Amino acid sequence: MKIRTRIATAVTVALASVFVAVPAFASGGGDATDAALSSAGDPLNIPGIAAVGIVLLLIVLIGSKLAGDLFEKKQ
């Protein structure tokens, strides 16, 4: 696999995981003072979300590189 293909795959997986996780961000409203998730209107922790996204992207890229190396033809 070329590095561009690995990056495209990692970005696609990252975007798909965000769309799969979107229902977890939703809140039913009401009194959610002890809820694990923030309620609607609360500010998001953007730097934290970005840091986790970058770490996940690195894990996917490194994992795809290692898996791709297993199938490389030896000359």
C-alpha atoms as a PDB file:
ATOM      1  CA  MET A   1       0.000   0.000   0.000  1.00  0.00           C
ATOM      2  CA  LYS A   2       1.175   3.485  -0.729  1.00  0.00           C
ATOM      3  CA  ILE A   3       1.387   6.008   2.075  1.00  0.00           C
ATOM      4  CA  ARG A   4      -1.388   8.081   0.465  1.00  0.00           C
ATOM      5  CA  THR A   5      -3.717   5.092   0.584  1.00  0.00           C
ATOM      6  CA  ARG A   6      -2.881   4.514   4.238  1.00  0.00           C
ATOM      7  CA  ILE A   7      -3.548   8.150   5.093  1.00  0.00           C
ATOM      8  CA  ALA A   8      -6.830   8.141   3.161  1.00  0.00           C
ATOM      9  CA  THR A   9      -7.898   4.970   4.942  1.00  0.00           C
ATOM     10  CA  ALA A  10      -7.001   6.418   8.338  1.00  0.00           C
ATOM     11  CA  VAL A  11      -8.900   9.638   7.658  1.00  0.00           C
ATOM     12  CA  THR A  12     -11.930   7.674   6.449  1.00  0.00           C
ATOM     13  CA  VAL A  13     -11.891   5.492   9.555  1.00  0.00           C
ATOM     14  CA  ALA A  14     -11.531   8.539  11.796  1.00  0.00           C
ATOM     15  CA  LEU A  15     -14.488  10.287  10.157  1.00  0.00           C
ATOM     16  CA  ALA A  16     -16.592   7.128  10.280  1.00  0.00           C
ATOM     17  CA  SER A  17     -15.842   6.684  13.975  1.00  0.00           C
ATOM     18  CA  VAL A  18     -16.963  10.263  14.641  1.00  0.00           C
ATOM     19  CA  PHE A  19     -20.279   9.632  12.876  1.00  0.00           C
ATOM     20  CA  VAL A  20     -20.750   6.384  14.786  1.00  0.00           C
ATOM     21  CA  ALA A  21     -20.041   8.158  18.093  1.00  0.00           C
ATOM     22  CA  VAL A  22     -22.400  11.097  17.437  1.00  0.00           C
ATOM     23  CA  PRO A  23     -25.340   9.563  19.367  1.00  0.00           C
ATOM     24  CA  ALA A  24     -23.126   9.453  22.460  1.00  0.00           C
ATOM     25  CA  PHE A  25     -22.836  13.248  22.289  1.00  0.00           C
ATOM     26  CA  ALA A  26     -26.617  13.696  22.338  1.00  0.00           C
ATOM     27  CA  SER A  27     -28.358  14.471  25.584  1.00  0.00           C
ATOM     28  CA  GLY A  28     -31.946  13.932  26.624  1.00  0.00           C
ATOM     29  CA  GLY A  29     -32.078  17.273  28.402  1.00  0.00           C
ATOM     30  CA  GLY A  30     -33.405  17.821  31.882  1.00  0.00           C
ATOM     31  CA  ASP A  31     -31.243  17.912  34.993  1.00  0.00           C
ATOM     32  CA  ALA A  32     -27.964  16.342  33.983  1.00  0.00           C
ATOM     33  CA  THR A  33     -25.715  17.583  36.770  1.00  0.00           C
ATOM     34  CA  ASP A  34     -24.424  14.086  37.506  1.00  0.00           C
ATOM     35  CA  ALA A  35     -24.466  12.790  33.922  1.00  0.00           C
ATOM     36  CA  ALA A  36     -21.284  11.458  32.368  1.00  0.00           C
ATOM     37  CA  LEU A  37     -21.958  13.363  29.129  1.00  0.00           C
ATOM     38  CA  SER A  38     -22.331  17.110  28.828  1.00  0.00           C
ATOM     39  CA  SER A  39     -25.780  18.443  28.159  1.00  0.00           C
ATOM     40  CA  ALA A  40     -26.751  20.458  25.109  1.00  0.00           C
ATOM     41  CA  GLY A  41     -25.320  23.966  25.139  1.00  0.00           C
ATOM     42  CA  ASP A  42     -22.281  23.135  27.267  1.00  0.00           C
ATOM     43  CA  PRO A  43     -18.954  24.014  25.673  1.00  0.00           C
ATOM     44  CA  LEU A  44     -16.993  21.136  24.187  1.00  0.00           C
ATOM     45  CA  ASN A  45     -13.402  20.387  25.092  1.00  0.00           C
ATOM     46  CA  ILE A  46     -12.060  20.931  21.565  1.00  0.00           C
ATOM     47  CA  PRO A  47      -8.333  20.541  22.385  1.00  0.00           C
ATOM     48  CA  GLY A  48      -9.041  17.267  24.180  1.00  0.00           C
ATOM     49  CA  ILE A  49     -11.135  15.942  21.318  1.00  0.00           C
ATOM     50  CA  ALA A  50      -8.453  16.963  18.811  1.00  0.00           C
ATOM     51  CA  ALA A  51      -5.713  15.285  20.871  1.00  0.00           C
ATOM     52  CA  VAL A  52      -7.662  12.027  21.061  1.00  0.00           C
ATOM     53  CA  GLY A  53      -8.352  12.213  17.316  1.00  0.00           C
ATOM     54  CA  ILE A  54      -4.666  12.669  16.545  1.00  0.00           C
ATOM     55  CA  VAL A  55      -3.706   9.744  18.789  1.00  0.00           C
ATOM     56  CA  LEU A  56      -6.323   7.529  17.127  1.00  0.00           C
ATOM     57  CA  LEU A  57      -5.106   8.613  13.695  1.00  0.00           C
ATOM     58  CA  LEU A  58      -1.537   7.699  14.632  1.00  0.00           C
ATOM     59  CA  ILE A  59      -2.665   4.305  15.933  1.00  0.00           C
ATOM     60  CA  VAL A  60      -4.493   3.582  12.684  1.00  0.00           C
ATOM     61  CA  LEU A  61      -1.559   4.741  10.536  1.00  0.00           C
ATOM     62  CA  ILE A  62       0.997   2.716  12.484  1.00  0.00           C
ATOM     63  CA  GLY A  63      -1.285  -0.328  12.559  1.00  0.00           C
ATOM     64  CA  SER A  64      -1.905  -0.157   8.818  1.00  0.00           C
ATOM     65  CA  LYS A  65       1.829   0.232   8.178  1.00  0.00           C
ATOM     66  CA  LEU A  66       2.628  -2.825  10.289  1.00  0.00           C
ATOM     67  CA  ALA A  67      -0.166  -4.860   8.696  1.00  0.00           C
ATOM     68  CA  GLY A  68       0.910  -3.746   5.204  1.00  0.00           C
ATOM     69  CA  ASP A  69       4.494  -4.802   5.908  1.00  0.00           C
ATOM     70  CA  LEU A  70       3.298  -8.336   6.582  1.00  0.00           C
ATOM     71  CA  PHE A  71       2.072  -8.640   2.994  1.00  0.00           C
ATOM     72  CA  GLU A  72       4.999  -6.981   1.204  1.00  0.00           C
ATOM     73  CA  LYS A  73       6.757  -9.195  -1.309  1.00  0.00           C
ATOM     74  CA  LYS A  74      10.339  -9.942  -0.395  1.00  0.00           C
ATOM     75  CA  GLN A  75      12.816  -9.703  -3.268  1.00  0.00           C
END
